[in-house]
Amino acid sequence: MKVAVLGTGGGGRAHAARLLELGHRVLVGTRDRQATLGRTEPDFMGIDPFGQWAAAYPDIELVDFAAAASAADFVINGIDGANAVRVLTGIGRHLAGKTLMDYAVPFVYNPEQAHPWPTPWGVMPALDPVDHDSLGERIQRAVPAAKVVKACVTQEQQTAVDPRSVAGGDHTMFVAGDHDDAKAEVTALLRAYGWEDVLDLGPLVCSRGMEMYSHMHSAIQFALGGARFGIKVMR
């Protein structure tokens, strides 16, 4: 399967590397390919330049957002929440009829701050939208011909792509969306990642709770000194 991962941050890299390991053709989408490859310093999250990471994965193609979405059979959105709707709207025709797995969280942060990201490294950002709406729903409204499935939101992406690395995989992944066939496609990918417990929360409106959990996740991770963890639904 040809999979587009939109976004070059740490989460997108985790998905891209795992997908390649599973035998998929992987395209990573970015706004400006040359600018992305030309960066030589870590970003404000402290993540090494994409070009340094990509040197270890020569089979992963870096192209612009539209080219990635157009070529792919399945799309993963890792664009930051502040820009996701704008970017996806611009490439919407390339997403028509395709499953779009979205793991973005609508953080509102101030890049002028020395440490603009969640605790313990900086301030706790606000969420917008929150409660009355969700980023997942906004994306679906912006690209109505796509099939948006919210998933991989309730843990960092290293665990999302390798659940067995935490507690032997004995924890729960959640999905939500308005298209049963798309949720089945996402669930199949999650099973390939190693998830055994996948809980379908229902329609995409459930993205609201999934996204709001981000603050709780940050609080737990702070309490654990930054350690990775999973959450388990007992039933």
Protein backbone atom coordinates (compact mmCIF):
# COMPACT_ATOMS: atom_id res chain seq x y z
CA MET A 1 0.00 0.00 0.00
CA LYS A 2 1.16 3.53 -0.74
CA VAL A 3 0.87 5.62 2.41
CA ALA A 4 1.32 9.39 2.73
CA VAL A 5 2.43 10.76 6.07
CA LEU A 6 1.78 14.49 6.12
CA GLY A 7 4.26 16.24 8.39
CA THR A 8 7.97 15.83 9.11
CA GLY A 9 7.99 16.03 12.93
CA GLY A 10 8.80 13.27 15.36
CA GLY A 11 5.36 11.68 15.11
CA GLY A 12 5.37 11.61 11.34
CA ARG A 13 8.84 10.09 11.34
CA ALA A 14 7.72 7.35 13.74
CA HIS A 15 4.83 6.38 11.46
CA ALA A 16 6.94 6.61 8.29
CA ALA A 17 9.68 4.35 9.65
CA ARG A 18 7.22 1.77 10.97
CA LEU A 19 5.25 1.72 7.73
CA LEU A 20 8.43 1.15 5.76
CA GLU A 21 9.33 -1.70 8.11
CA LEU A 22 5.91 -3.24 7.41
CA GLY A 23 6.58 -3.20 3.68
CA HIS A 24 4.57 -0.19 2.55
CA ARG A 25 5.71 2.46 0.09
CA VAL A 26 5.96 5.63 2.14
CA LEU A 27 5.76 9.24 1.02
CA VAL A 28 6.28 12.05 3.53
CA GLY A 29 4.59 15.33 2.72
CA THR A 30 5.98 18.76 3.57
CA ARG A 31 5.21 22.36 2.63
CA ASP A 32 8.54 23.05 0.93
CA ARG A 33 10.78 20.09 0.15
CA GLN A 34 13.94 22.11 -0.40
CA ALA A 35 13.47 24.15 2.77
CA THR A 36 12.84 20.99 4.79
CA LEU A 37 15.97 19.31 3.49
CA GLY A 38 17.98 22.50 3.89
CA ARG A 39 17.47 22.83 7.63
CA THR A 40 20.60 22.26 9.68
CA GLU A 41 19.44 23.03 13.22
CA PRO A 42 16.98 21.24 15.53
CA ASP A 43 13.48 22.70 15.62
CA PHE A 44 11.96 24.36 18.69
CA MET A 45 11.00 20.90 19.98
CA GLY A 46 14.64 19.89 19.83
CA ILE A 47 14.05 17.44 16.97
CA ASP A 48 16.99 16.94 14.62
CA PRO A 49 16.71 18.23 11.03
CA PHE A 50 14.63 15.99 8.79
CA GLY A 51 17.48 15.47 6.34
CA GLN A 52 19.65 13.87 9.02
CA TRP A 53 16.88 11.44 9.93
CA ALA A 54 15.95 10.71 6.30
CA ALA A 55 19.52 9.69 5.44
CA ALA A 56 18.85 6.43 7.28
CA TYR A 57 15.66 5.82 5.25
CA PRO A 58 16.53 6.31 1.56
CA ASP A 59 13.36 4.48 0.46
CA ILE A 60 11.09 7.10 2.05
CA GLU A 61 10.21 9.81 -0.46
CA LEU A 62 9.90 13.46 0.59
CA VAL A 63 7.50 15.42 -1.61
CA ASP A 64 5.09 18.31 -1.19
CA PHE A 65 1.76 17.81 0.56
CA ALA A 66 -0.31 17.65 -2.63
CA ALA A 67 1.98 15.15 -4.35
CA ALA A 68 2.01 12.90 -1.29
CA ALA A 69 -1.76 12.90 -0.93
CA SER A 70 -2.33 12.42 -4.65
CA ALA A 71 -0.07 9.37 -4.90
CA ALA A 72 -1.26 7.64 -1.74
CA ASP A 73 -3.92 5.03 -1.10
CA PHE A 74 -4.06 5.92 2.60
CA VAL A 75 -3.14 9.19 4.32
CA ILE A 76 -1.96 9.96 7.85
CA ASN A 77 -2.23 13.53 9.09
CA GLY A 78 0.66 14.63 11.30
CA ILE A 79 0.45 18.34 10.47
CA ASP A 80 0.39 20.45 13.62
CA GLY A 81 -3.11 21.31 14.79
CA ALA A 82 -2.74 25.04 14.19
CA ASN A 83 -2.17 24.54 10.46
CA ALA A 84 -3.84 21.22 9.63
CA VAL A 85 -7.21 22.53 8.43
CA ARG A 86 -5.62 25.15 6.16
CA VAL A 87 -3.19 22.71 4.57
CA LEU A 88 -5.70 19.90 4.14
CA THR A 89 -8.27 22.25 2.64
CA GLY A 90 -5.72 23.25 0.02
CA ILE A 91 -5.10 19.64 -1.03
CA GLY A 92 -8.66 18.44 -0.50
CA ARG A 93 -9.21 17.19 -4.05
CA HIS A 94 -6.31 14.76 -3.60
CA LEU A 95 -7.95 13.30 -0.49
CA ALA A 96 -11.34 12.52 -2.05
CA GLY A 97 -12.50 8.99 -1.30
CA LYS A 98 -9.43 8.22 0.82
CA THR A 99 -9.12 7.31 4.47
CA LEU A 100 -7.39 10.09 6.41
CA MET A 101 -6.14 8.97 9.81
CA ASP A 102 -5.72 12.08 11.94
CA TYR A 103 -3.68 12.14 15.13
CA ALA A 104 -3.22 15.91 15.43
CA VAL A 105 -4.16 17.84 18.57
CA PRO A 106 -5.35 21.48 18.29
CA PHE A 107 -2.70 23.07 20.50
CA VAL A 108 -2.52 26.85 20.51
CA TYR A 109 0.98 27.93 21.42
CA ASN A 110 3.21 30.96 21.17
CA PRO A 111 6.42 30.20 19.24
CA GLU A 112 7.91 33.42 20.63
CA GLN A 113 8.15 31.81 24.04
CA ALA A 114 11.44 30.17 24.92
CA HIS A 115 9.67 26.87 25.67
CA PRO A 116 6.27 26.94 23.95
CA TRP A 117 5.31 23.27 24.21
CA PRO A 118 3.62 21.22 26.98
CA THR A 119 4.98 20.66 30.47
CA PRO A 120 7.48 19.69 31.74
CA TRP A 121 9.46 21.49 29.02
CA GLY A 122 7.32 24.64 28.83
CA VAL A 123 3.84 26.04 29.27
CA MET A 124 0.68 23.97 28.97
CA PRO A 125 -0.87 25.14 25.68
CA ALA A 126 -4.55 25.86 25.21
CA LEU A 127 -6.78 23.79 22.95
CA ASP A 128 -8.80 25.44 20.18
CA PRO A 129 -11.33 24.11 19.38
CA VAL A 130 -12.26 22.37 22.59
CA ASP A 131 -15.46 20.82 24.02
CA HIS A 132 -17.94 22.32 21.52
CA ASP A 133 -15.98 21.08 18.47
CA SER A 134 -12.81 19.19 17.60
CA LEU A 135 -10.00 19.37 15.11
CA GLY A 136 -11.06 16.02 13.70
CA GLU A 137 -14.54 17.35 12.96
CA ARG A 138 -13.15 20.55 11.45
CA ILE A 139 -10.94 18.54 9.14
CA GLN A 140 -13.90 16.41 8.04
CA ARG A 141 -15.96 19.53 7.30
CA ALA A 142 -13.04 21.07 5.41
CA VAL A 143 -12.50 17.96 3.25
CA PRO A 144 -15.96 16.32 3.12
CA ALA A 145 -14.96 13.89 0.38
CA ALA A 146 -12.30 12.32 2.61
CA LYS A 147 -13.03 9.75 5.31
CA VAL A 148 -11.53 11.10 8.53
CA VAL A 149 -10.73 8.71 11.36
CA LYS A 150 -9.33 10.03 14.63
CA ALA A 151 -6.77 7.65 16.12
CA CYS A 152 -3.37 7.56 17.84
CA VAL A 153 -4.30 10.64 19.89
CA THR A 154 -4.10 9.30 23.43
CA GLN A 155 -0.37 8.51 23.50
CA GLU A 156 2.83 9.76 21.90
CA GLN A 157 3.48 8.37 18.47
CA GLN A 158 6.45 6.14 19.36
CA THR A 159 3.99 4.07 21.38
CA ALA A 160 1.28 4.36 18.73
CA VAL A 161 3.48 2.61 16.17
CA ASP A 162 4.99 0.12 18.63
CA PRO A 163 2.50 -0.62 21.42
CA ARG A 164 4.39 -3.69 22.63
CA SER A 165 7.26 -1.45 23.75
CA VAL A 166 5.06 -0.37 26.70
CA ALA A 167 3.66 -2.99 29.10
CA GLY A 168 3.95 -5.64 26.40
CA GLY A 169 1.16 -3.92 24.47
CA ASP A 170 -1.46 -4.45 27.18
CA HIS A 171 -3.25 -1.15 26.67
CA THR A 172 -6.02 0.33 24.53
CA MET A 173 -6.12 2.28 21.28
CA PHE A 174 -9.19 4.35 20.41
CA VAL A 175 -10.68 5.19 17.02
CA ALA A 176 -13.61 7.42 16.04
CA GLY A 177 -15.12 8.33 12.70
CA ASP A 178 -18.28 8.51 10.64
CA HIS A 179 -17.25 5.92 8.01
CA ASP A 180 -17.20 2.27 9.07
CA ASP A 181 -15.08 1.17 6.11
CA ALA A 182 -12.44 3.78 6.93
CA LYS A 183 -12.39 2.76 10.59
CA ALA A 184 -11.91 -0.84 9.51
CA GLU A 185 -8.96 0.23 7.35
CA VAL A 186 -7.40 2.17 10.23
CA THR A 187 -7.98 -0.72 12.62
CA ALA A 188 -6.22 -3.09 10.22
CA LEU A 189 -3.18 -0.79 10.21
CA LEU A 190 -3.24 -0.57 14.01
CA ARG A 191 -3.31 -4.37 14.21
CA ALA A 192 -0.26 -4.44 11.96
CA TYR A 193 1.44 -1.98 14.32
CA GLY A 194 0.78 -4.50 17.10
CA TRP A 195 -2.39 -3.22 18.78
CA GLU A 196 -4.54 -6.03 20.16
CA ASP A 197 -7.11 -3.89 21.98
CA VAL A 198 -8.74 -1.35 19.65
CA LEU A 199 -11.91 0.31 20.94
CA ASP A 200 -14.26 1.98 18.45
CA LEU A 201 -15.74 4.98 20.27
CA GLY A 202 -18.29 5.66 17.53
CA PRO A 203 -18.79 8.80 15.43
CA LEU A 204 -16.23 11.51 14.83
CA VAL A 205 -17.77 13.74 17.49
CA CYS A 206 -15.89 11.52 19.95
CA SER A 207 -12.73 13.27 18.75
CA ARG A 208 -13.58 15.95 21.29
CA GLY A 209 -12.85 13.72 24.25
CA MET A 210 -9.82 12.17 22.58
CA GLU A 211 -8.24 15.55 21.90
CA MET A 212 -9.06 16.96 25.35
CA TYR A 213 -7.25 13.99 26.88
CA SER A 214 -3.98 15.58 25.73
CA HIS A 215 -3.80 17.70 28.90
CA MET A 216 -4.28 14.64 31.08
CA HIS A 217 -1.63 12.80 29.11
CA SER A 218 0.83 15.64 29.66
CA ALA A 219 0.05 15.68 33.38
CA ILE A 220 0.60 11.92 33.71
CA GLN A 221 3.83 12.05 31.74
CA PHE A 222 5.07 14.88 33.94
CA ALA A 223 4.23 12.83 37.05
CA LEU A 224 6.15 9.87 35.58
CA GLY A 225 9.19 11.98 34.78
CA GLY A 226 8.62 11.81 31.04
CA ALA A 227 8.23 8.02 30.90
CA ARG A 228 6.09 6.49 28.18
CA PHE A 229 2.87 4.78 29.21
CA GLY A 230 -0.42 3.41 27.92
CA ILE A 231 -4.00 3.45 29.12
CA LYS A 232 -6.09 0.31 29.49
CA VAL A 233 -9.87 0.06 29.34
CA MET A 234 -10.99 -2.78 31.61
CA ARG A 235 -14.20 -4.40 30.39
